[in-house]
């Protein structure tokens, strides 16, 4: 059974605080508690400052978390708690998410690894690779809310999960869904299975009262992910939804090339999903209505 908790990874750097602020609307969406996680490891900034005195390090971290929660509670009206762990960052994040049965993991991702090693920058990909939970990765400051969502679609069975998630977000945030497909030149798109599937998906969105548009790109001199990223900027998107694992693939450390580029290069928050919904065609429509058990 899912709990109403969202795990937000904090290192007190600017990017993790941006990720924290990004979670507020989702917390209200799910009526969820925000759990802040700080992981102490040997290369951590606090460990460098306070040497080998782990208890003192924990006390300093605890005080900063308490101060942060006091500040954020006053402005957000949300419920907060915190967890401090010692160990490897990516492993600690995944273990904590399992312990609290998180609805989402929200992480900042840094654009540079220069200077002091950042808590999140080198661990985001590892967490997304191994997590059974949806992960939202955030780079930079963003407006709150998800008015424009990019949904790249292909012929994979995992399309069900992306459509289901888009429906849930759209119902709450009033989002406009922008379906994006990239098609090979020289083939009549309207005669393909992908075109027929997109038309069915559009019908599902419309029947749920959701606005959607379909943007088709003919593959030419760019990789597929570049079309998606460029279009995301064009429509001022707030979120890109992707699947990070292909069905039948070994889960550990596997992220498809397309998803990998989107996660690492997008300036827009990315929601990384894993295939979890039933694959039986007779039951999938029920799952599409409410994949996160929200409504």
C-alpha atoms as a PDB file:
ATOM      1  CA  UNK A   1       0.000   0.000   0.000  1.00  0.00           C
ATOM      2  CA  UNK A   2       1.327   3.429  -0.990  1.00  0.00           C
ATOM      3  CA  UNK A   3       1.895   6.002   1.714  1.00  0.00           C
ATOM      4  CA  UNK A   4       1.394   9.701   1.177  1.00  0.00           C
ATOM      5  CA  UNK A   5       5.043  10.639   1.335  1.00  0.00           C
ATOM      6  CA  UNK A   6       7.349  12.309  -1.157  1.00  0.00           C
ATOM      7  CA  UNK A   7      11.096  11.927  -0.715  1.00  0.00           C
ATOM      8  CA  UNK A   8      13.117  15.061  -1.469  1.00  0.00           C
ATOM      9  CA  UNK A   9      16.908  14.772  -1.524  1.00  0.00           C
ATOM     10  CA  UNK A  10      18.599  17.724   0.176  1.00  0.00           C
ATOM     11  CA  UNK A  11      22.232  18.823   0.339  1.00  0.00           C
ATOM     12  CA  UNK A  12      21.529  22.524   1.069  1.00  0.00           C
ATOM     13  CA  UNK A  13      22.993  23.459  -2.314  1.00  0.00           C
ATOM     14  CA  UNK A  14      20.938  25.743  -4.549  1.00  0.00           C
ATOM     15  CA  UNK A  15      19.826  22.964  -6.888  1.00  0.00           C
ATOM     16  CA  UNK A  16      18.387  20.726  -4.181  1.00  0.00           C
ATOM     17  CA  UNK A  17      16.456  23.678  -2.753  1.00  0.00           C
ATOM     18  CA  UNK A  18      15.009  24.291  -6.229  1.00  0.00           C
ATOM     19  CA  UNK A  19      13.934  20.641  -6.267  1.00  0.00           C
ATOM     20  CA  UNK A  20      12.314  21.110  -2.854  1.00  0.00           C
ATOM     21  CA  UNK A  21      10.226  24.031  -4.084  1.00  0.00           C
ATOM     22  CA  UNK A  22       9.271  22.042  -7.184  1.00  0.00           C
ATOM     23  CA  UNK A  23       7.633  19.386  -5.008  1.00  0.00           C
ATOM     24  CA  UNK A  24       5.071  21.629  -3.322  1.00  0.00           C
ATOM     25  CA  UNK A  25       2.352  21.351  -5.946  1.00  0.00           C
ATOM     26  CA  UNK A  26       2.838  17.583  -6.131  1.00  0.00           C
ATOM     27  CA  UNK A  27       2.559  17.399  -2.342  1.00  0.00           C
ATOM     28  CA  UNK A  28      -0.762  19.216  -2.527  1.00  0.00           C
ATOM     29  CA  UNK A  29      -1.748  17.034  -5.483  1.00  0.00           C
ATOM     30  CA  UNK A  30      -1.248  13.884  -3.387  1.00  0.00           C
ATOM     31  CA  UNK A  31      -2.000  15.459   0.016  1.00  0.00           C
ATOM     32  CA  UNK A  32       1.437  14.102   0.874  1.00  0.00           C
ATOM     33  CA  UNK A  33       4.019  14.672   3.571  1.00  0.00           C
ATOM     34  CA  UNK A  34       7.420  15.914   2.376  1.00  0.00           C
ATOM     35  CA  UNK A  35      10.310  13.836   3.739  1.00  0.00           C
ATOM     36  CA  UNK A  36      13.699  15.536   3.451  1.00  0.00           C
ATOM     37  CA  UNK A  37      16.682  13.202   3.144  1.00  0.00           C
ATOM     38  CA  UNK A  38      20.274  14.171   3.835  1.00  0.00           C
ATOM     39  CA  UNK A  39      22.985  11.551   3.311  1.00  0.00           C
ATOM     40  CA  UNK A  40      26.329  11.898   5.054  1.00  0.00           C
ATOM     41  CA  UNK A  41      29.227  10.262   3.232  1.00  0.00           C
ATOM     42  CA  UNK A  42      32.975  10.490   3.644  1.00  0.00           C
ATOM     43  CA  UNK A  43      33.370  13.183   0.976  1.00  0.00           C
ATOM     44  CA  UNK A  44      30.441  15.218   2.257  1.00  0.00           C
ATOM     45  CA  UNK A  45      30.979  18.927   2.913  1.00  0.00           C
ATOM     46  CA  UNK A  46      29.931  18.611   6.561  1.00  0.00           C
ATOM     47  CA  UNK A  47      32.307  15.705   7.111  1.00  0.00           C
ATOM     48  CA  UNK A  48      35.136  17.841   5.745  1.00  0.00           C
ATOM     49  CA  UNK A  49      34.201  20.691   8.053  1.00  0.00           C
ATOM     50  CA  UNK A  50      33.841  18.624  11.203  1.00  0.00           C
ATOM     51  CA  UNK A  51      36.347  15.868  10.566  1.00  0.00           C
ATOM     52  CA  UNK A  52      35.641  12.428  11.998  1.00  0.00           C
ATOM     53  CA  UNK A  53      33.203  13.564  14.673  1.00  0.00           C
ATOM     54  CA  UNK A  54      30.107  11.922  13.177  1.00  0.00           C
ATOM     55  CA  UNK A  55      27.801  12.825  16.053  1.00  0.00           C
ATOM     56  CA  UNK A  56      28.699  16.481  15.725  1.00  0.00           C
ATOM     57  CA  UNK A  57      28.199  16.253  11.971  1.00  0.00           C
ATOM     58  CA  UNK A  58      24.748  14.717  12.455  1.00  0.00           C
ATOM     59  CA  UNK A  59      23.855  17.416  14.983  1.00  0.00           C
ATOM     60  CA  UNK A  60      24.862  20.161  12.533  1.00  0.00           C
ATOM     61  CA  UNK A  61      22.883  18.549   9.718  1.00  0.00           C
ATOM     62  CA  UNK A  62      19.858  18.051  11.965  1.00  0.00           C
ATOM     63  CA  UNK A  63      19.873  21.709  12.995  1.00  0.00           C
ATOM     64  CA  UNK A  64      20.048  22.886   9.396  1.00  0.00           C
ATOM     65  CA  UNK A  65      17.188  20.562   8.433  1.00  0.00           C
ATOM     66  CA  UNK A  66      15.060  21.764  11.349  1.00  0.00           C
ATOM     67  CA  UNK A  67      15.750  25.393  10.397  1.00  0.00           C
ATOM     68  CA  UNK A  68      14.876  24.663   6.782  1.00  0.00           C
ATOM     69  CA  UNK A  69      11.634  22.903   7.735  1.00  0.00           C
ATOM     70  CA  UNK A  70      10.624  25.757  10.043  1.00  0.00           C
ATOM     71  CA  UNK A  71      11.131  28.206   7.192  1.00  0.00           C
ATOM     72  CA  UNK A  72       9.384  26.103   4.549  1.00  0.00           C
ATOM     73  CA  UNK A  73       6.443  25.158   6.790  1.00  0.00           C
ATOM     74  CA  UNK A  74       5.781  28.839   7.421  1.00  0.00           C
ATOM     75  CA  UNK A  75       5.540  29.620   3.703  1.00  0.00           C
ATOM     76  CA  UNK A  76       4.134  26.408   2.178  1.00  0.00           C
ATOM     77  CA  UNK A  77       1.588  25.134   4.730  1.00  0.00           C
ATOM     78  CA  UNK A  78       2.775  21.556   4.119  1.00  0.00           C
ATOM     79  CA  UNK A  79       3.789  18.774   6.488  1.00  0.00           C
ATOM     80  CA  UNK A  80       7.523  18.001   6.679  1.00  0.00           C
ATOM     81  CA  UNK A  81       9.794  15.461   8.318  1.00  0.00           C
ATOM     82  CA  UNK A  82      13.415  14.514   7.807  1.00  0.00           C
ATOM     83  CA  UNK A  83      15.772  11.536   7.664  1.00  0.00           C
ATOM     84  CA  UNK A  84      19.560  11.587   8.093  1.00  0.00           C
ATOM     85  CA  UNK A  85      21.499   8.605   6.789  1.00  0.00           C
ATOM     86  CA  UNK A  86      25.160   7.657   6.606  1.00  0.00           C
ATOM     87  CA  UNK A  87      26.368   5.715   3.571  1.00  0.00           C
ATOM     88  CA  UNK A  88      26.511   5.826  -0.207  1.00  0.00           C
ATOM     89  CA  UNK A  89      24.193   8.492  -1.564  1.00  0.00           C
ATOM     90  CA  UNK A  90      22.350   6.609  -4.310  1.00  0.00           C
ATOM     91  CA  UNK A  91      21.908   3.487  -2.163  1.00  0.00           C
ATOM     92  CA  UNK A  92      20.643   5.541   0.783  1.00  0.00           C
ATOM     93  CA  UNK A  93      18.104   7.359  -1.388  1.00  0.00           C
ATOM     94  CA  UNK A  94      16.703   4.129  -2.825  1.00  0.00           C
ATOM     95  CA  UNK A  95      16.628   2.391   0.575  1.00  0.00           C
ATOM     96  CA  UNK A  96      14.857   5.328   2.207  1.00  0.00           C
ATOM     97  CA  UNK A  97      12.312   5.507  -0.627  1.00  0.00           C
ATOM     98  CA  UNK A  98      11.535   1.828  -0.047  1.00  0.00           C
ATOM     99  CA  UNK A  99      11.259   2.275   3.724  1.00  0.00           C
ATOM    100  CA  UNK A 100       8.716   5.103   3.443  1.00  0.00           C
ATOM    101  CA  UNK A 101       7.119   3.623   0.286  1.00  0.00           C
ATOM    102  CA  UNK A 102       7.495   6.977  -1.450  1.00  0.00           C
ATOM    103  CA  UNK A 103       5.068   8.180  -4.083  1.00  0.00           C
ATOM    104  CA  UNK A 104       7.859  10.153  -5.774  1.00  0.00           C
ATOM    105  CA  UNK A 105      11.559  10.844  -5.383  1.00  0.00           C
ATOM    106  CA  UNK A 106      12.489  14.427  -6.240  1.00  0.00           C
ATOM    107  CA  UNK A 107      16.126  15.317  -6.886  1.00  0.00           C
ATOM    108  CA  UNK A 108      18.151  18.231  -8.149  1.00  0.00           C
ATOM    109  CA  UNK A 109      20.722  17.638 -10.865  1.00  0.00           C
ATOM    110  CA  UNK A 110      23.733  19.860 -11.222  1.00  0.00           C
ATOM    111  CA  UNK A 111      25.100  20.979 -14.546  1.00  0.00           C
ATOM    112  CA  UNK A 112      28.711  20.957 -13.400  1.00  0.00           C
ATOM    113  CA  UNK A 113      30.866  18.645 -11.331  1.00  0.00           C
ATOM    114  CA  UNK A 114      33.658  21.194 -10.858  1.00  0.00           C
ATOM    115  CA  UNK A 115      34.757  22.239  -7.401  1.00  0.00           C
ATOM    116  CA  UNK A 116      33.471  20.394  -4.344  1.00  0.00           C
ATOM    117  CA  UNK A 117      31.681  17.201  -5.326  1.00  0.00           C
ATOM    118  CA  UNK A 118      27.950  17.834  -5.344  1.00  0.00           C
ATOM    119  CA  UNK A 119      25.660  15.524  -3.360  1.00  0.00           C
ATOM    120  CA  UNK A 120      23.153  14.978  -6.147  1.00  0.00           C
ATOM    121  CA  UNK A 121      24.861  15.662  -9.458  1.00  0.00           C
ATOM    122  CA  UNK A 122      26.707  12.363  -9.775  1.00  0.00           C
ATOM    123  CA  UNK A 123      23.934  10.276  -8.224  1.00  0.00           C
ATOM    124  CA  UNK A 124      20.791  11.245 -10.117  1.00  0.00           C
ATOM    125  CA  UNK A 125      21.351   8.794 -12.961  1.00  0.00           C
ATOM    126  CA  UNK A 126      22.114   5.959 -10.518  1.00  0.00           C
ATOM    127  CA  UNK A 127      18.909   6.540  -8.590  1.00  0.00           C
ATOM    128  CA  UNK A 128      16.782   6.736 -11.732  1.00  0.00           C
ATOM    129  CA  UNK A 129      18.447   3.573 -13.064  1.00  0.00           C
ATOM    130  CA  UNK A 130      17.674   1.492  -9.997  1.00  0.00           C
ATOM    131  CA  UNK A 131      14.552   3.033  -8.486  1.00  0.00           C
ATOM    132  CA  UNK A 132      11.143   1.353  -8.555  1.00  0.00           C
ATOM    133  CA  UNK A 133       9.616   4.748  -7.774  1.00  0.00           C
ATOM    134  CA  UNK A 134       8.919   7.651 -10.147  1.00  0.00           C
ATOM    135  CA  UNK A 135      11.751  10.201 -10.044  1.00  0.00           C
ATOM    136  CA  UNK A 136      11.478  13.884 -10.899  1.00  0.00           C
ATOM    137  CA  UNK A 137      14.857  15.424 -11.670  1.00  0.00           C
ATOM    138  CA  UNK A 138      15.136  19.208 -11.606  1.00  0.00           C
ATOM    139  CA  UNK A 139      17.795  21.488 -13.069  1.00  0.00           C
ATOM    140  CA  UNK A 140      17.586  25.226 -12.465  1.00  0.00           C
ATOM    141  CA  UNK A 141      14.687  27.310 -11.148  1.00  0.00           C
ATOM    142  CA  UNK A 142      11.231  26.665 -12.619  1.00  0.00           C
ATOM    143  CA  UNK A 143       7.732  28.007 -12.283  1.00  0.00           C
ATOM    144  CA  UNK A 144       5.496  25.923 -10.067  1.00  0.00           C
ATOM    145  CA  UNK A 145       2.753  23.874 -11.676  1.00  0.00           C
ATOM    146  CA  UNK A 146       2.546  21.714 -14.782  1.00  0.00           C
ATOM    147  CA  UNK A 147       0.506  23.598 -17.367  1.00  0.00           C
ATOM    148  CA  UNK A 148       2.355  22.181 -20.374  1.00  0.00           C
ATOM    149  CA  UNK A 149       3.525  18.558 -20.323  1.00  0.00           C
ATOM    150  CA  UNK A 150       5.604  16.961 -23.062  1.00  0.00           C
ATOM    151  CA  UNK A 151       4.766  13.321 -23.762  1.00  0.00           C
ATOM    152  CA  UNK A 152       7.161  11.639 -26.241  1.00  0.00           C
ATOM    153  CA  UNK A 153       5.465   8.499 -27.583  1.00  0.00           C
ATOM    154  CA  UNK A 154       6.542   5.518 -29.652  1.00  0.00           C
ATOM    155  CA  UNK A 155       5.242   1.986 -30.219  1.00  0.00           C
ATOM    156  CA  UNK A 156       6.434   0.498 -26.930  1.00  0.00           C
ATOM    157  CA  UNK A 157       3.979  -1.131 -24.534  1.00  0.00           C
ATOM    158  CA  UNK A 158       5.212   1.286 -21.873  1.00  0.00           C
ATOM    159  CA  UNK A 159       3.142   3.984 -23.572  1.00  0.00           C
ATOM    160  CA  UNK A 160       0.328   2.942 -21.190  1.00  0.00           C
ATOM    161  CA  UNK A 161       2.234   4.165 -18.152  1.00  0.00           C
ATOM    162  CA  UNK A 162       3.060   7.524 -19.701  1.00  0.00           C
ATOM    163  CA  UNK A 163      -0.523   8.106 -20.804  1.00  0.00           C
ATOM    164  CA  UNK A 164      -1.827   7.099 -17.370  1.00  0.00           C
ATOM    165  CA  UNK A 165       0.535   9.468 -15.579  1.00  0.00           C
ATOM    166  CA  UNK A 166      -0.293  12.305 -17.963  1.00  0.00           C
ATOM    167  CA  UNK A 167      -4.011  11.824 -17.252  1.00  0.00           C
ATOM    168  CA  UNK A 168      -3.476  12.008 -13.486  1.00  0.00           C
ATOM    169  CA  UNK A 169      -1.322  15.133 -13.678  1.00  0.00           C
ATOM    170  CA  UNK A 170      -3.661  16.809 -16.160  1.00  0.00           C
ATOM    171  CA  UNK A 171      -6.764  16.214 -14.056  1.00  0.00           C
ATOM    172  CA  UNK A 172      -5.191  17.991 -11.101  1.00  0.00           C
ATOM    173  CA  UNK A 173      -3.081  20.696 -12.756  1.00  0.00           C
ATOM    174  CA  UNK A 174      -5.268  21.424 -15.777  1.00  0.00           C
ATOM    175  CA  UNK A 175      -2.336  20.536 -18.009  1.00  0.00           C
ATOM    176  CA  UNK A 176      -2.187  20.715 -21.782  1.00  0.00           C
ATOM    177  CA  UNK A 177      -0.533  17.527 -23.086  1.00  0.00           C
ATOM    178  CA  UNK A 178       1.831  17.888 -26.015  1.00  0.00           C
ATOM    179  CA  UNK A 179       2.304  14.476 -27.660  1.00  0.00           C
ATOM    180  CA  UNK A 180       5.579  14.346 -29.595  1.00  0.00           C
ATOM    181  CA  UNK A 181       6.525  11.701 -32.149  1.00  0.00           C
ATOM    182  CA  UNK A 182       9.531  11.462 -34.456  1.00  0.00           C
ATOM    183  CA  UNK A 183       8.943   9.632 -37.732  1.00  0.00           C
ATOM    184  CA  UNK A 184      11.255   8.356 -40.455  1.00  0.00           C
ATOM    185  CA  UNK A 185      11.264  10.245 -43.741  1.00  0.00           C
ATOM    186  CA  UNK A 186       9.907   8.306 -46.741  1.00  0.00           C
ATOM    187  CA  UNK A 187       7.169   6.427 -44.891  1.00  0.00           C
ATOM    188  CA  UNK A 188       3.540   7.548 -45.007  1.00  0.00           C
ATOM    189  CA  UNK A 189       2.895   8.374 -41.349  1.00  0.00           C
ATOM    190  CA  UNK A 190      -0.909   8.055 -41.581  1.00  0.00           C
ATOM    191  CA  UNK A 191      -0.486   4.422 -42.666  1.00  0.00           C
ATOM    192  CA  UNK A 192       1.629   3.396 -39.667  1.00  0.00           C
ATOM    193  CA  UNK A 193       0.650   1.608 -36.454  1.00  0.00           C
ATOM    194  CA  UNK A 194       2.087   4.542 -34.503  1.00  0.00           C
ATOM    195  CA  UNK A 195      -0.342   6.983 -36.150  1.00  0.00           C
ATOM    196  CA  UNK A 196      -3.307   4.730 -35.321  1.00  0.00           C
ATOM    197  CA  UNK A 197      -2.142   4.406 -31.744  1.00  0.00           C
ATOM    198  CA  UNK A 198      -1.692   8.171 -31.363  1.00  0.00           C
ATOM    199  CA  UNK A 199      -5.248   8.767 -32.590  1.00  0.00           C
ATOM    200  CA  UNK A 200      -6.538   6.334 -29.941  1.00  0.00           C
ATOM    201  CA  UNK A 201      -4.483   8.052 -27.256  1.00  0.00           C
ATOM    202  CA  UNK A 202      -5.796  11.457 -28.288  1.00  0.00           C
ATOM    203  CA  UNK A 203      -9.303  10.035 -27.950  1.00  0.00           C
ATOM    204  CA  UNK A 204      -8.503   8.841 -24.397  1.00  0.00           C
ATOM    205  CA  UNK A 205      -7.287  12.314 -23.426  1.00  0.00           C
ATOM    206  CA  UNK A 206     -10.304  14.049 -24.944  1.00  0.00           C
ATOM    207  CA  UNK A 207     -12.717  11.638 -23.253  1.00  0.00           C
ATOM    208  CA  UNK A 208     -11.106  12.614 -19.934  1.00  0.00           C
ATOM    209  CA  UNK A 209     -11.594  16.313 -20.694  1.00  0.00           C
ATOM    210  CA  UNK A 210      -7.867  16.899 -21.287  1.00  0.00           C
ATOM    211  CA  UNK A 211      -6.508  19.249 -23.934  1.00  0.00           C
ATOM    212  CA  UNK A 212      -3.838  17.693 -26.118  1.00  0.00           C
ATOM    213  CA  UNK A 213      -2.000  18.384 -29.349  1.00  0.00           C
ATOM    214  CA  UNK A 214       0.185  16.136 -31.446  1.00  0.00           C
ATOM    215  CA  UNK A 215       3.471  17.361 -32.911  1.00  0.00           C
ATOM    216  CA  UNK A 216       5.074  15.194 -35.594  1.00  0.00           C
ATOM    217  CA  UNK A 217       8.724  15.602 -36.577  1.00  0.00           C
ATOM    218  CA  UNK A 218      10.215  13.949 -39.627  1.00  0.00           C
ATOM    219  CA  UNK A 219      13.585  12.540 -38.653  1.00  0.00           C
ATOM    220  CA  UNK A 220      16.341  14.407 -40.513  1.00  0.00           C
ATOM    221  CA  UNK A 221      19.601  15.837 -39.199  1.00  0.00           C
ATOM    222  CA  UNK A 222      18.994  15.531 -35.443  1.00  0.00           C
ATOM    223  CA  UNK A 223      18.639  12.774 -32.875  1.00  0.00           C
ATOM    224  CA  UNK A 224      15.133  12.076 -31.584  1.00  0.00           C
ATOM    225  CA  UNK A 225      15.810  13.553 -28.154  1.00  0.00           C
ATOM    226  CA  UNK A 226      16.909  16.857 -29.723  1.00  0.00           C
ATOM    227  CA  UNK A 227      13.510  17.295 -31.370  1.00  0.00           C
ATOM    228  CA  UNK A 228      11.837  16.729 -28.004  1.00  0.00           C
ATOM    229  CA  UNK A 229      14.093  19.150 -26.111  1.00  0.00           C
ATOM    230  CA  UNK A 230      13.790  21.869 -28.760  1.00  0.00           C
ATOM    231  CA  UNK A 231      10.004  21.550 -28.863  1.00  0.00           C
ATOM    232  CA  UNK A 232       9.832  21.629 -25.056  1.00  0.00           C
ATOM    233  CA  UNK A 233      11.464  25.052 -25.097  1.00  0.00           C
ATOM    234  CA  UNK A 234       9.212  26.215 -27.944  1.00  0.00           C
ATOM    235  CA  UNK A 235       5.991  25.513 -26.004  1.00  0.00           C
ATOM    236  CA  UNK A 236       7.459  26.603 -22.653  1.00  0.00           C
ATOM    237  CA  UNK A 237       6.937  23.144 -21.168  1.00  0.00           C
ATOM    238  CA  UNK A 238       6.910  22.555 -17.405  1.00  0.00           C
ATOM    239  CA  UNK A 239       7.553  18.801 -17.431  1.00  0.00           C
ATOM    240  CA  UNK A 240       8.757  16.016 -19.730  1.00  0.00           C
ATOM    241  CA  UNK A 241       7.446  12.495 -19.011  1.00  0.00           C
ATOM    242  CA  UNK A 242       9.618   9.589 -20.098  1.00  0.00           C
ATOM    243  CA  UNK A 243      10.044   5.873 -19.502  1.00  0.00           C
ATOM    244  CA  UNK A 244      13.567   5.015 -18.387  1.00  0.00           C
ATOM    245  CA  UNK A 245      13.455   1.227 -18.696  1.00  0.00           C
ATOM    246  CA  UNK A 246      12.356  -0.995 -21.544  1.00  0.00           C
ATOM    247  CA  UNK A 247      10.321  -4.047 -20.679  1.00  0.00           C
ATOM    248  CA  UNK A 248      12.362  -7.224 -20.576  1.00  0.00           C
ATOM    249  CA  UNK A 249      15.625  -5.374 -19.879  1.00  0.00           C
ATOM    250  CA  UNK A 250      17.745  -5.917 -16.773  1.00  0.00           C
ATOM    251  CA  UNK A 251      16.710  -3.095 -14.437  1.00  0.00           C
ATOM    252  CA  UNK A 252      20.015  -2.341 -12.694  1.00  0.00           C
ATOM    253  CA  UNK A 253      21.946   0.463 -14.361  1.00  0.00           C
ATOM    254  CA  UNK A 254      19.815   0.341 -17.534  1.00  0.00           C
ATOM    255  CA  UNK A 255      18.509   3.559 -19.005  1.00  0.00           C
ATOM    256  CA  UNK A 256      17.735   3.783 -22.704  1.00  0.00           C
ATOM    257  CA  UNK A 257      19.839   6.189 -24.783  1.00  0.00           C
ATOM    258  CA  UNK A 258      16.882   8.490 -25.505  1.00  0.00           C
ATOM    259  CA  UNK A 259      15.911   8.745 -21.825  1.00  0.00           C
ATOM    260  CA  UNK A 260      19.535   9.219 -20.787  1.00  0.00           C
ATOM    261  CA  UNK A 261      19.917  12.258 -23.050  1.00  0.00           C
ATOM    262  CA  UNK A 262      16.619  13.772 -21.906  1.00  0.00           C
ATOM    263  CA  UNK A 263      17.496  13.374 -18.216  1.00  0.00           C
ATOM    264  CA  UNK A 264      20.981  14.808 -18.554  1.00  0.00           C
ATOM    265  CA  UNK A 265      20.391  17.608 -21.056  1.00  0.00           C
ATOM    266  CA  UNK A 266      16.910  18.904 -20.268  1.00  0.00           C
ATOM    267  CA  UNK A 267      16.616  22.298 -18.590  1.00  0.00           C
ATOM    268  CA  UNK A 268      12.998  21.346 -17.832  1.00  0.00           C
ATOM    269  CA  UNK A 269      12.008  18.997 -14.967  1.00  0.00           C
ATOM    270  CA  UNK A 270      11.859  15.364 -16.109  1.00  0.00           C
ATOM    271  CA  UNK A 271       9.540  12.718 -14.651  1.00  0.00           C
ATOM    272  CA  UNK A 272      11.169   9.298 -15.102  1.00  0.00           C
ATOM    273  CA  UNK A 273       8.726   6.398 -14.895  1.00  0.00           C
ATOM    274  CA  UNK A 274       9.178   2.631 -14.903  1.00  0.00           C
ATOM    275  CA  UNK A 275       6.786   0.031 -16.391  1.00  0.00           C
ATOM    276  CA  UNK A 276       4.469  -0.955 -13.551  1.00  0.00           C
ATOM    277  CA  UNK A 277       0.912  -1.106 -14.856  1.00  0.00           C
ATOM    278  CA  UNK A 278      -0.755  -4.403 -15.832  1.00  0.00           C
ATOM    279  CA  UNK A 279      -0.080  -5.395 -19.409  1.00  0.00           C
ATOM    280  CA  UNK A 280      -3.391  -7.239 -19.846  1.00  0.00           C
ATOM    281  CA  UNK A 281      -5.312  -5.178 -22.421  1.00  0.00           C
ATOM    282  CA  UNK A 282      -8.599  -5.873 -20.607  1.00  0.00           C
ATOM    283  CA  UNK A 283      -7.400  -4.291 -17.371  1.00  0.00           C
ATOM    284  CA  UNK A 284      -5.232  -1.468 -18.645  1.00  0.00           C
ATOM    285  CA  UNK A 285      -8.111   0.990 -19.126  1.00  0.00           C
ATOM    286  CA  UNK A 286      -9.007   0.748 -15.444  1.00  0.00           C
ATOM    287  CA  UNK A 287      -5.400   1.508 -14.579  1.00  0.00           C
ATOM    288  CA  UNK A 288      -5.346   4.463 -16.956  1.00  0.00           C
ATOM    289  CA  UNK A 289      -8.096   6.199 -15.012  1.00  0.00           C
ATOM    290  CA  UNK A 290      -6.114   6.521 -11.789  1.00  0.00           C
ATOM    291  CA  UNK A 291      -2.588   5.038 -11.810  1.00  0.00           C
ATOM    292  CA  UNK A 292      -1.549   6.761  -8.564  1.00  0.00           C
ATOM    293  CA  UNK A 293      -4.801   5.928  -6.696  1.00  0.00           C
ATOM    294  CA  UNK A 294      -5.589   9.611  -6.424  1.00  0.00           C
ATOM    295  CA  UNK A 295      -9.214  10.011  -7.529  1.00  0.00           C
END
